[in-house]
Amino acid sequence: MHSLVDIRVRFLLTFGAASGLVAVVTGALAAHALDAGQIETVRTAAHYQGIHALALLATGTLLITHRSRWLEAAGWLFVAGILMFCGSLYLKGLGGIGALGPVTPFGGGAFMLGWACLGVGTWRLRPVA
């Protein structure tokens, strides 16, 4: 039987992998099918999503062998950042929906807090007993 922590870690890893896929697909779409006004918005979203997909994979991998509230918080903040920052930019660039524009900075803030938590979490690594 898997513990709740295992399920959360698997979610973070799976979300990271899926985010990497979405970043590549949307980046390719931007390069081949969008007009100039949309390209930069979608490229920015895909760029940040790709970076944070890798951050999620690293964070989830650390969580397999180290229990840490800091690392888990980092993972969830990266998820929130991807959904808010990248999601709002995708909606604007791909769908012309700019109503969620005010959400974008909150996603950026989630990314920043995620990196801070990852830094604290890696500094305080404790092995799983």
C-alpha atoms as a PDB file:
ATOM      1  CA  MET A   1       0.000   0.000   0.000  1.00  0.00           C
ATOM      2  CA  HIS A   2       1.297   3.466  -0.890  1.00  0.00           C
ATOM      3  CA  SER A   3       1.282   6.242   1.675  1.00  0.00           C
ATOM      4  CA  LEU A   4      -0.227   9.660   1.071  1.00  0.00           C
ATOM      5  CA  VAL A   5       3.274  11.114   0.746  1.00  0.00           C
ATOM      6  CA  ASP A   6       4.013   8.634  -2.039  1.00  0.00           C
ATOM      7  CA  ILE A   7       0.872   9.709  -3.883  1.00  0.00           C
ATOM      8  CA  ARG A   8       1.772  13.387  -3.549  1.00  0.00           C
ATOM      9  CA  VAL A   9       5.318  12.767  -4.753  1.00  0.00           C
ATOM     10  CA  ARG A  10       4.055  10.742  -7.715  1.00  0.00           C
ATOM     11  CA  PHE A  11       1.645  13.569  -8.541  1.00  0.00           C
ATOM     12  CA  LEU A  12       4.453  16.158  -8.492  1.00  0.00           C
ATOM     13  CA  LEU A  13       6.641  13.965 -10.707  1.00  0.00           C
ATOM     14  CA  THR A  14       3.805  13.201 -13.121  1.00  0.00           C
ATOM     15  CA  PHE A  15       2.734  16.847 -13.261  1.00  0.00           C
ATOM     16  CA  GLY A  16       6.361  17.774 -13.968  1.00  0.00           C
ATOM     17  CA  ALA A  17       6.592  15.299 -16.834  1.00  0.00           C
ATOM     18  CA  ALA A  18       3.246  16.409 -18.289  1.00  0.00           C
ATOM     19  CA  SER A  19       4.305  20.042 -17.966  1.00  0.00           C
ATOM     20  CA  GLY A  20       7.462  19.327 -19.936  1.00  0.00           C
ATOM     21  CA  LEU A  21       5.352  17.798 -22.691  1.00  0.00           C
ATOM     22  CA  VAL A  22       2.946  20.759 -22.754  1.00  0.00           C
ATOM     23  CA  ALA A  23       5.874  23.202 -22.867  1.00  0.00           C
ATOM     24  CA  VAL A  24       7.362  21.470 -25.915  1.00  0.00           C
ATOM     25  CA  VAL A  25       4.010  21.189 -27.719  1.00  0.00           C
ATOM     26  CA  THR A  26       3.048  24.813 -27.121  1.00  0.00           C
ATOM     27  CA  GLY A  27       6.539  26.020 -27.995  1.00  0.00           C
ATOM     28  CA  ALA A  28       6.316  24.182 -31.314  1.00  0.00           C
ATOM     29  CA  LEU A  29       2.834  25.556 -31.893  1.00  0.00           C
ATOM     30  CA  ALA A  30       4.065  29.074 -31.260  1.00  0.00           C
ATOM     31  CA  ALA A  31       6.934  28.633 -33.700  1.00  0.00           C
ATOM     32  CA  HIS A  32       4.761  27.271 -36.512  1.00  0.00           C
ATOM     33  CA  ALA A  33       1.152  28.368 -36.193  1.00  0.00           C
ATOM     34  CA  LEU A  34       0.788  31.691 -34.388  1.00  0.00           C
ATOM     35  CA  ASP A  35       0.965  35.293 -35.487  1.00  0.00           C
ATOM     36  CA  ALA A  36       3.613  37.656 -34.165  1.00  0.00           C
ATOM     37  CA  GLY A  37       1.383  39.063 -31.435  1.00  0.00           C
ATOM     38  CA  GLN A  38       0.731  35.642 -29.945  1.00  0.00           C
ATOM     39  CA  ILE A  39       4.183  34.113 -30.355  1.00  0.00           C
ATOM     40  CA  GLU A  40       6.006  35.987 -27.593  1.00  0.00           C
ATOM     41  CA  THR A  41       3.264  35.408 -25.021  1.00  0.00           C
ATOM     42  CA  VAL A  42       3.117  31.670 -25.716  1.00  0.00           C
ATOM     43  CA  ARG A  43       6.909  31.351 -25.908  1.00  0.00           C
ATOM     44  CA  THR A  44       7.238  33.016 -22.513  1.00  0.00           C
ATOM     45  CA  ALA A  45       4.691  30.621 -21.001  1.00  0.00           C
ATOM     46  CA  ALA A  46       6.359  27.574 -22.602  1.00  0.00           C
ATOM     47  CA  HIS A  47       9.810  28.724 -21.466  1.00  0.00           C
ATOM     48  CA  TYR A  48       8.792  29.139 -17.836  1.00  0.00           C
ATOM     49  CA  GLN A  49       6.759  25.956 -17.887  1.00  0.00           C
ATOM     50  CA  GLY A  50       9.731  23.984 -19.210  1.00  0.00           C
ATOM     51  CA  ILE A  51      12.043  25.342 -16.531  1.00  0.00           C
ATOM     52  CA  HIS A  52       9.559  24.597 -13.772  1.00  0.00           C
ATOM     53  CA  ALA A  53       8.755  21.158 -15.163  1.00  0.00           C
ATOM     54  CA  LEU A  54      12.427  20.311 -14.586  1.00  0.00           C
ATOM     55  CA  ALA A  55      12.287  21.920 -11.140  1.00  0.00           C
ATOM     56  CA  LEU A  56       9.278  19.737 -10.284  1.00  0.00           C
ATOM     57  CA  LEU A  57      11.087  16.608 -11.443  1.00  0.00           C
ATOM     58  CA  ALA A  58      14.117  17.499  -9.317  1.00  0.00           C
ATOM     59  CA  THR A  59      11.962  18.341  -6.302  1.00  0.00           C
ATOM     60  CA  GLY A  60       9.931  15.149  -6.609  1.00  0.00           C
ATOM     61  CA  THR A  61      13.089  13.089  -6.968  1.00  0.00           C
ATOM     62  CA  LEU A  62      14.494  14.616  -3.777  1.00  0.00           C
ATOM     63  CA  LEU A  63      11.235  13.865  -1.982  1.00  0.00           C
ATOM     64  CA  ILE A  64      11.606  10.159  -2.773  1.00  0.00           C
ATOM     65  CA  THR A  65      14.576   9.929  -0.427  1.00  0.00           C
ATOM     66  CA  HIS A  66      14.168  12.958   1.856  1.00  0.00           C
ATOM     67  CA  ARG A  67      11.187  14.041   3.915  1.00  0.00           C
ATOM     68  CA  SER A  68      10.882  17.791   3.878  1.00  0.00           C
ATOM     69  CA  ARG A  69       8.002  20.198   4.260  1.00  0.00           C
ATOM     70  CA  TRP A  70      10.161  22.759   2.466  1.00  0.00           C
ATOM     71  CA  LEU A  71      10.640  20.536  -0.571  1.00  0.00           C
ATOM     72  CA  GLU A  72       6.977  19.590  -0.663  1.00  0.00           C
ATOM     73  CA  ALA A  73       5.994  23.259  -0.415  1.00  0.00           C
ATOM     74  CA  ALA A  74       8.376  24.032  -3.281  1.00  0.00           C
ATOM     75  CA  GLY A  75       6.709  21.388  -5.433  1.00  0.00           C
ATOM     76  CA  TRP A  76       3.205  22.693  -4.788  1.00  0.00           C
ATOM     77  CA  LEU A  77       4.324  26.278  -5.380  1.00  0.00           C
ATOM     78  CA  PHE A  78       5.813  25.244  -8.732  1.00  0.00           C
ATOM     79  CA  VAL A  79       2.485  23.584  -9.632  1.00  0.00           C
ATOM     80  CA  ALA A  80       0.597  26.744  -8.621  1.00  0.00           C
ATOM     81  CA  GLY A  81       3.012  28.898 -10.623  1.00  0.00           C
ATOM     82  CA  ILE A  82       2.605  26.768 -13.730  1.00  0.00           C
ATOM     83  CA  LEU A  83      -1.172  26.890 -13.467  1.00  0.00           C
ATOM     84  CA  MET A  84      -1.422  30.616 -12.727  1.00  0.00           C
ATOM     85  CA  PHE A  85       1.539  32.129 -14.598  1.00  0.00           C
ATOM     86  CA  CYS A  86       1.767  29.854 -17.616  1.00  0.00           C
ATOM     87  CA  GLY A  87      -1.957  29.106 -17.718  1.00  0.00           C
ATOM     88  CA  SER A  88      -2.934  32.772 -17.844  1.00  0.00           C
ATOM     89  CA  LEU A  89      -0.349  33.464 -20.558  1.00  0.00           C
ATOM     90  CA  TYR A  90      -1.531  30.481 -22.616  1.00  0.00           C
ATOM     91  CA  LEU A  91      -5.129  31.690 -22.362  1.00  0.00           C
ATOM     92  CA  LYS A  92      -4.056  35.144 -23.496  1.00  0.00           C
ATOM     93  CA  GLY A  93      -1.741  33.981 -26.294  1.00  0.00           C
ATOM     94  CA  LEU A  94      -3.761  31.076 -27.629  1.00  0.00           C
ATOM     95  CA  GLY A  95      -7.311  32.093 -26.855  1.00  0.00           C
ATOM     96  CA  GLY A  96      -7.180  35.859 -26.693  1.00  0.00           C
ATOM     97  CA  ILE A  97      -8.509  35.674 -23.127  1.00  0.00           C
ATOM     98  CA  GLY A  98      -6.760  38.403 -21.179  1.00  0.00           C
ATOM     99  CA  ALA A  99      -9.195  38.530 -18.253  1.00  0.00           C
ATOM    100  CA  LEU A 100      -6.840  36.404 -16.144  1.00  0.00           C
ATOM    101  CA  GLY A 101      -3.968  38.848 -16.636  1.00  0.00           C
ATOM    102  CA  PRO A 102      -4.072  39.888 -12.955  1.00  0.00           C
ATOM    103  CA  VAL A 103      -3.390  36.239 -12.000  1.00  0.00           C
ATOM    104  CA  THR A 104      -0.051  36.166 -13.835  1.00  0.00           C
ATOM    105  CA  PRO A 105       1.991  38.013 -11.174  1.00  0.00           C
ATOM    106  CA  PHE A 106       0.667  35.679  -8.468  1.00  0.00           C
ATOM    107  CA  GLY A 107       1.985  32.769 -10.505  1.00  0.00           C
ATOM    108  CA  GLY A 108       5.344  34.501 -10.794  1.00  0.00           C
ATOM    109  CA  GLY A 109       5.321  35.005  -7.031  1.00  0.00           C
ATOM    110  CA  ALA A 110       4.571  31.310  -6.553  1.00  0.00           C
ATOM    111  CA  PHE A 111       7.595  30.470  -8.722  1.00  0.00           C
ATOM    112  CA  MET A 112       9.826  32.739  -6.631  1.00  0.00           C
ATOM    113  CA  LEU A 113       8.568  31.304  -3.344  1.00  0.00           C
ATOM    114  CA  GLY A 114       9.004  27.796  -4.767  1.00  0.00           C
ATOM    115  CA  TRP A 115      12.665  28.455  -5.519  1.00  0.00           C
ATOM    116  CA  ALA A 116      13.161  29.909  -2.036  1.00  0.00           C
ATOM    117  CA  CYS A 117      11.555  26.838  -0.457  1.00  0.00           C
ATOM    118  CA  LEU A 118      13.660  24.549  -2.647  1.00  0.00           C
ATOM    119  CA  GLY A 119      16.772  26.372  -1.474  1.00  0.00           C
ATOM    120  CA  VAL A 120      15.849  26.054   2.197  1.00  0.00           C
ATOM    121  CA  GLY A 121      14.758  22.455   1.702  1.00  0.00           C
ATOM    122  CA  THR A 122      17.988  21.388   0.053  1.00  0.00           C
ATOM    123  CA  TRP A 123      20.031  23.180   2.709  1.00  0.00           C
ATOM    124  CA  ARG A 124      18.152  21.265   5.423  1.00  0.00           C
ATOM    125  CA  LEU A 125      18.097  17.814   3.755  1.00  0.00           C
ATOM    126  CA  ARG A 126      17.347  14.988   6.138  1.00  0.00           C
ATOM    127  CA  PRO A 127      17.419  11.360   5.031  1.00  0.00           C
ATOM    128  CA  VAL A 128      14.270   9.257   5.281  1.00  0.00           C
ATOM    129  CA  ALA A 129      14.559   6.892   8.221  1.00  0.00           C
END
